[in-house]
Amino acid sequence: MNWSEIYPKGAMPNHRQISDYVENPVWNELCEQIEQKYGVEPKIEYSTCSMAPGWNVKYRKAGRALCTLYPHDGYFYCLIAIGPANAQETELLLPTFSSEVQQLYQDAAPMNGTRWLMINVCAADKARDVQSLVAIRAKAKR
């Protein structure tokens, strides 16, 4: 049974249920790191987007979206937007990212100057890439 069937729109999961469903230590480590480093609380929201329907976890700081996490069985996706204010620093750090994230960035066609990256986070190397991208998002000026 998939995520949106287990937790339909009227049945919001709690953080423990999400963690149990993802069942990947990288999930908890990344969430804790974002929450502690940036002093933010996760917000669980329901999305009707056809590409990723169901409950997700959003992190925002000072009205700015840091990232959105989409739970899956054994892994999760992280959506992060790299806008013009983030592009230069991201491109400088790009060689330090995993080859998959480098390719995602190169393949993402900018929409209104912003690249939307949907990163499959199944291992620690992808979580490190996400942590670096979130750090860039958190300090970028609007």
Protein backbone atom coordinates (compact mmCIF):
# COMPACT_ATOMS: atom_id res chain seq x y z
CA MET A 1 0.00 0.00 0.00
CA ASN A 2 1.42 3.41 -0.92
CA TRP A 3 1.79 6.49 1.26
CA SER A 4 -1.31 8.38 0.08
CA GLU A 5 -3.48 5.29 0.60
CA ILE A 6 -2.22 4.67 4.14
CA TYR A 7 -2.70 8.32 5.11
CA PRO A 8 -5.41 9.88 2.94
CA LYS A 9 -6.24 13.58 3.12
CA GLY A 10 -8.35 13.32 6.28
CA ALA A 11 -5.79 11.25 8.24
CA MET A 12 -2.69 13.36 8.94
CA PRO A 13 0.24 11.23 10.16
CA ASN A 14 2.40 12.36 13.06
CA HIS A 15 6.19 12.59 12.90
CA ARG A 16 6.67 9.14 14.40
CA GLN A 17 4.36 7.54 11.82
CA ILE A 18 6.22 9.26 9.00
CA SER A 19 9.58 8.11 10.37
CA ASP A 20 8.28 4.55 10.78
CA TYR A 21 7.02 4.53 7.19
CA VAL A 22 10.27 5.88 5.72
CA GLU A 23 12.25 3.49 7.92
CA ASN A 24 15.60 4.97 6.94
CA PRO A 25 17.95 6.50 9.55
CA VAL A 26 18.89 9.22 7.07
CA TRP A 27 15.34 10.65 7.46
CA ASN A 28 15.68 11.24 11.20
CA GLU A 29 19.25 12.52 10.92
CA LEU A 30 18.36 15.05 8.23
CA CYS A 31 15.22 16.25 10.03
CA GLU A 32 17.09 16.66 13.32
CA GLN A 33 19.94 18.49 11.62
CA ILE A 34 17.63 20.97 9.88
CA GLU A 35 15.54 21.55 13.02
CA GLN A 36 18.55 22.09 15.30
CA LYS A 37 20.75 24.10 12.95
CA TYR A 38 18.04 26.50 11.78
CA GLY A 39 15.72 26.46 14.79
CA VAL A 40 12.72 25.50 12.67
CA GLU A 41 9.80 23.20 13.27
CA PRO A 42 8.55 20.87 10.55
CA LYS A 43 5.10 21.47 9.16
CA ILE A 44 3.14 18.49 7.90
CA GLU A 45 0.95 19.44 4.94
CA TYR A 46 -1.18 17.61 2.41
CA SER A 47 -0.40 18.09 -1.27
CA THR A 48 -2.78 17.38 -4.13
CA CYS A 49 0.03 17.77 -6.66
CA SER A 50 -0.28 14.95 -9.20
CA MET A 51 3.51 14.38 -9.15
CA ALA A 52 3.71 13.89 -5.37
CA PRO A 53 0.27 13.55 -3.78
CA GLY A 54 -0.12 13.02 -0.07
CA TRP A 55 1.37 14.27 3.16
CA ASN A 56 4.79 15.93 3.13
CA VAL A 57 7.04 17.73 5.59
CA LYS A 58 7.98 21.35 4.94
CA TYR A 59 10.73 23.38 6.51
CA ARG A 60 10.54 27.17 6.40
CA LYS A 61 12.64 29.85 8.05
CA ALA A 62 11.55 33.48 8.20
CA GLY A 63 8.93 32.86 5.52
CA ARG A 64 11.50 31.26 3.21
CA ALA A 65 11.07 27.65 2.08
CA LEU A 66 14.17 25.64 2.92
CA CYS A 67 12.96 22.30 1.54
CA THR A 68 10.04 19.89 1.38
CA LEU A 69 10.41 16.18 2.18
CA TYR A 70 8.19 13.55 0.55
CA PRO A 71 8.06 10.19 2.39
CA HIS A 72 8.37 6.87 0.55
CA ASP A 73 8.88 3.31 1.73
CA GLY A 74 12.59 3.10 2.64
CA TYR A 75 13.60 6.48 1.23
CA PHE A 76 12.28 9.98 0.62
CA TYR A 77 12.49 12.81 -1.86
CA CYS A 78 13.63 16.31 -1.05
CA LEU A 79 12.36 19.20 -3.15
CA ILE A 80 14.61 22.22 -3.04
CA ALA A 81 14.48 25.34 -5.18
CA ILE A 82 17.71 26.92 -6.36
CA GLY A 83 16.92 30.46 -7.38
CA PRO A 84 19.10 33.19 -8.86
CA ALA A 85 20.27 34.23 -5.36
CA ASN A 86 21.46 30.64 -4.74
CA ALA A 87 22.85 29.76 -8.16
CA GLN A 88 26.40 31.08 -7.92
CA GLU A 89 27.20 29.44 -4.58
CA THR A 90 25.47 26.21 -5.64
CA GLU A 91 27.52 26.05 -8.83
CA LEU A 92 30.73 26.62 -6.87
CA LEU A 93 29.88 23.70 -4.56
CA LEU A 94 28.44 21.48 -7.32
CA PRO A 95 31.67 19.44 -7.77
CA THR A 96 31.44 18.38 -4.10
CA PHE A 97 27.97 16.88 -4.55
CA SER A 98 27.19 13.30 -5.55
CA SER A 99 27.19 12.65 -9.28
CA GLU A 100 23.41 12.14 -9.21
CA VAL A 101 22.76 15.56 -7.66
CA GLN A 102 25.23 17.19 -10.05
CA GLN A 103 23.33 15.64 -12.96
CA LEU A 104 19.96 16.67 -11.52
CA TYR A 105 21.15 20.27 -11.29
CA GLN A 106 22.53 20.24 -14.85
CA ASP A 107 19.33 18.69 -16.22
CA ALA A 108 16.93 20.99 -14.35
CA ALA A 109 15.73 23.62 -16.79
CA PRO A 110 15.32 26.94 -14.97
CA MET A 111 11.73 28.18 -14.69
CA ASN A 112 11.71 31.94 -14.08
CA GLY A 113 15.37 31.62 -13.09
CA THR A 114 14.78 28.86 -10.52
CA ARG A 115 15.85 25.23 -10.76
CA TRP A 116 13.58 22.81 -8.90
CA LEU A 117 15.51 19.75 -7.72
CA MET A 118 13.68 16.63 -6.58
CA ILE A 119 16.44 14.62 -4.91
CA ASN A 120 15.97 10.93 -4.12
CA VAL A 121 17.46 10.64 -0.62
CA CYS A 122 18.17 7.01 0.09
CA ALA A 123 21.68 7.26 1.54
CA ALA A 124 23.96 9.53 3.56
CA ASP A 125 25.70 11.08 0.54
CA LYS A 126 22.41 12.51 -0.75
CA ALA A 127 21.52 13.76 2.73
CA ARG A 128 24.86 15.61 2.86
CA ASP A 129 24.06 17.21 -0.50
CA VAL A 130 20.64 18.27 0.81
CA GLN A 131 22.24 19.71 3.97
CA SER A 132 24.59 21.80 1.82
CA LEU A 133 21.77 23.02 -0.40
CA VAL A 134 19.59 23.89 2.61
CA ALA A 135 22.51 25.88 4.08
CA ILE A 136 22.73 27.86 0.85
CA ARG A 137 18.95 28.46 0.87
CA ALA A 138 18.98 29.54 4.52
CA LYS A 139 21.52 32.31 4.05
CA ALA A 140 20.60 33.58 0.57
CA LYS A 141 19.28 37.11 0.32
CA ARG A 142 15.98 37.70 -1.46
